[in-house]
Amino acid sequence: MRHQVTIGWAKSSKNGEGTPNLKNNVDIGAGAKIIGNMTIGDNVVVGANSLVCNNFEANDVVGGVPARSLKKEIKK
């Protein structure tokens, strides 16, 4: 995890379950925001300044606002 990363909960989530669940070996770039009730799988790389508010499976590379999978784009 780099500097100025925010990991937070979403107030609008029902039952108060709005916290992110980060699995093992997640690499989070500087300034990334990870908000809400979602899971980020093992070995995921989150790009700098990304806004993550959706689930991502293991071994993925994500980035953008809002974050999306970049793994397919990298393989091209």
C-alpha atoms as a PDB file:
ATOM      1  CA  MET A   1       0.000   0.000   0.000  1.00  0.00           C
ATOM      2  CA  ARG A   2       1.423   3.340  -1.049  1.00  0.00           C
ATOM      3  CA  HIS A   3       0.808   6.817   0.424  1.00  0.00           C
ATOM      4  CA  GLN A   4      -2.562   8.644   0.487  1.00  0.00           C
ATOM      5  CA  VAL A   5      -4.641   5.458   0.049  1.00  0.00           C
ATOM      6  CA  THR A   6      -8.211   5.557   1.363  1.00  0.00           C
ATOM      7  CA  ILE A   7     -10.019   2.371   2.392  1.00  0.00           C
ATOM      8  CA  GLY A   8     -13.529   3.141   3.572  1.00  0.00           C
ATOM      9  CA  TRP A   9     -17.083   2.008   3.981  1.00  0.00           C
ATOM     10  CA  ALA A  10     -20.161   3.077   2.065  1.00  0.00           C
ATOM     11  CA  LYS A  11     -22.793   4.689   4.262  1.00  0.00           C
ATOM     12  CA  SER A  12     -25.548   3.645   1.868  1.00  0.00           C
ATOM     13  CA  SER A  13     -24.874  -0.091   2.325  1.00  0.00           C
ATOM     14  CA  LYS A  14     -27.699  -1.997   3.988  1.00  0.00           C
ATOM     15  CA  ASN A  15     -27.139  -3.719   7.331  1.00  0.00           C
ATOM     16  CA  GLY A  16     -24.005  -1.638   7.909  1.00  0.00           C
ATOM     17  CA  GLU A  17     -21.939  -4.071   5.830  1.00  0.00           C
ATOM     18  CA  GLY A  18     -20.093  -1.545   3.764  1.00  0.00           C
ATOM     19  CA  THR A  19     -16.446  -2.348   4.381  1.00  0.00           C
ATOM     20  CA  PRO A  20     -14.029  -3.607   1.704  1.00  0.00           C
ATOM     21  CA  ASN A  21     -12.531  -7.082   2.027  1.00  0.00           C
ATOM     22  CA  LEU A  22      -8.926  -7.252   0.790  1.00  0.00           C
ATOM     23  CA  LYS A  23      -7.476 -10.728   0.297  1.00  0.00           C
ATOM     24  CA  ASN A  24      -3.765 -11.674   0.363  1.00  0.00           C
ATOM     25  CA  ASN A  25      -0.977  -9.871  -1.509  1.00  0.00           C
ATOM     26  CA  VAL A  26      -3.028  -6.913  -2.807  1.00  0.00           C
ATOM     27  CA  ASP A  27      -0.771  -4.146  -4.159  1.00  0.00           C
ATOM     28  CA  ILE A  28      -2.426  -0.713  -3.895  1.00  0.00           C
ATOM     29  CA  GLY A  29      -1.002   2.254  -5.812  1.00  0.00           C
ATOM     30  CA  ALA A  30      -0.626   5.772  -4.410  1.00  0.00           C
ATOM     31  CA  GLY A  31      -3.827   7.771  -3.977  1.00  0.00           C
ATOM     32  CA  ALA A  32      -6.189   4.858  -4.676  1.00  0.00           C
ATOM     33  CA  LYS A  33      -9.650   4.941  -3.078  1.00  0.00           C
ATOM     34  CA  ILE A  34     -11.264   1.614  -2.138  1.00  0.00           C
ATOM     35  CA  ILE A  35     -14.833   2.266  -1.032  1.00  0.00           C
ATOM     36  CA  GLY A  36     -17.827   0.102  -0.162  1.00  0.00           C
ATOM     37  CA  ASN A  37     -18.874  -3.480   0.382  1.00  0.00           C
ATOM     38  CA  MET A  38     -16.735  -5.436  -2.065  1.00  0.00           C
ATOM     39  CA  THR A  39     -13.967  -8.015  -2.266  1.00  0.00           C
ATOM     40  CA  ILE A  40     -10.597  -7.657  -3.943  1.00  0.00           C
ATOM     41  CA  GLY A  41      -9.069 -11.089  -4.566  1.00  0.00           C
ATOM     42  CA  ASP A  42      -5.566 -12.427  -3.988  1.00  0.00           C
ATOM     43  CA  ASN A  43      -2.656 -10.936  -5.962  1.00  0.00           C
ATOM     44  CA  VAL A  44      -4.616  -7.985  -7.390  1.00  0.00           C
ATOM     45  CA  VAL A  45      -2.713  -4.855  -8.432  1.00  0.00           C
ATOM     46  CA  VAL A  46      -4.659  -1.591  -8.012  1.00  0.00           C
ATOM     47  CA  GLY A  47      -3.354   1.311 -10.094  1.00  0.00           C
ATOM     48  CA  ALA A  48      -2.515   4.709  -8.642  1.00  0.00           C
ATOM     49  CA  ASN A  49      -5.433   7.147  -8.158  1.00  0.00           C
ATOM     50  CA  SER A  50      -8.007   4.462  -8.974  1.00  0.00           C
ATOM     51  CA  LEU A  51     -11.512   4.452  -7.512  1.00  0.00           C
ATOM     52  CA  VAL A  52     -12.413   0.859  -6.655  1.00  0.00           C
ATOM     53  CA  CYS A  53     -16.054   0.177  -5.772  1.00  0.00           C
ATOM     54  CA  ASN A  54     -16.662  -3.238  -7.406  1.00  0.00           C
ATOM     55  CA  ASN A  55     -15.488  -6.817  -6.828  1.00  0.00           C
ATOM     56  CA  PHE A  56     -12.361  -8.034  -8.593  1.00  0.00           C
ATOM     57  CA  GLU A  57     -11.203 -11.638  -8.836  1.00  0.00           C
ATOM     58  CA  ALA A  58      -7.733 -12.922  -7.985  1.00  0.00           C
ATOM     59  CA  ASN A  59      -4.700 -12.185 -10.178  1.00  0.00           C
ATOM     60  CA  ASP A  60      -6.183  -9.113 -11.833  1.00  0.00           C
ATOM     61  CA  VAL A  61      -4.794  -5.668 -12.649  1.00  0.00           C
ATOM     62  CA  VAL A  62      -7.297  -2.839 -12.141  1.00  0.00           C
ATOM     63  CA  GLY A  63      -7.259   0.890 -12.653  1.00  0.00           C
ATOM     64  CA  GLY A  64      -9.240   3.966 -13.593  1.00  0.00           C
ATOM     65  CA  VAL A  65     -12.188   5.961 -12.264  1.00  0.00           C
ATOM     66  CA  PRO A  66     -14.186   3.889 -11.686  1.00  0.00           C
ATOM     67  CA  ALA A  67     -11.728   0.985 -11.702  1.00  0.00           C
ATOM     68  CA  ARG A  68     -12.049  -1.715 -14.356  1.00  0.00           C
ATOM     69  CA  SER A  69     -10.009  -4.779 -15.222  1.00  0.00           C
ATOM     70  CA  LEU A  70      -6.953  -3.888 -17.297  1.00  0.00           C
ATOM     71  CA  LYS A  71      -5.590  -7.412 -17.504  1.00  0.00           C
ATOM     72  CA  LYS A  72      -7.119  -8.042 -20.946  1.00  0.00           C
ATOM     73  CA  GLU A  73      -5.734  -4.763 -22.278  1.00  0.00           C
ATOM     74  CA  ILE A  74      -2.223  -5.568 -21.033  1.00  0.00           C
ATOM     75  CA  LYS A  75      -2.177  -8.968 -22.787  1.00  0.00           C
ATOM     76  CA  LYS A  76      -2.833  -7.414 -26.218  1.00  0.00           C
END
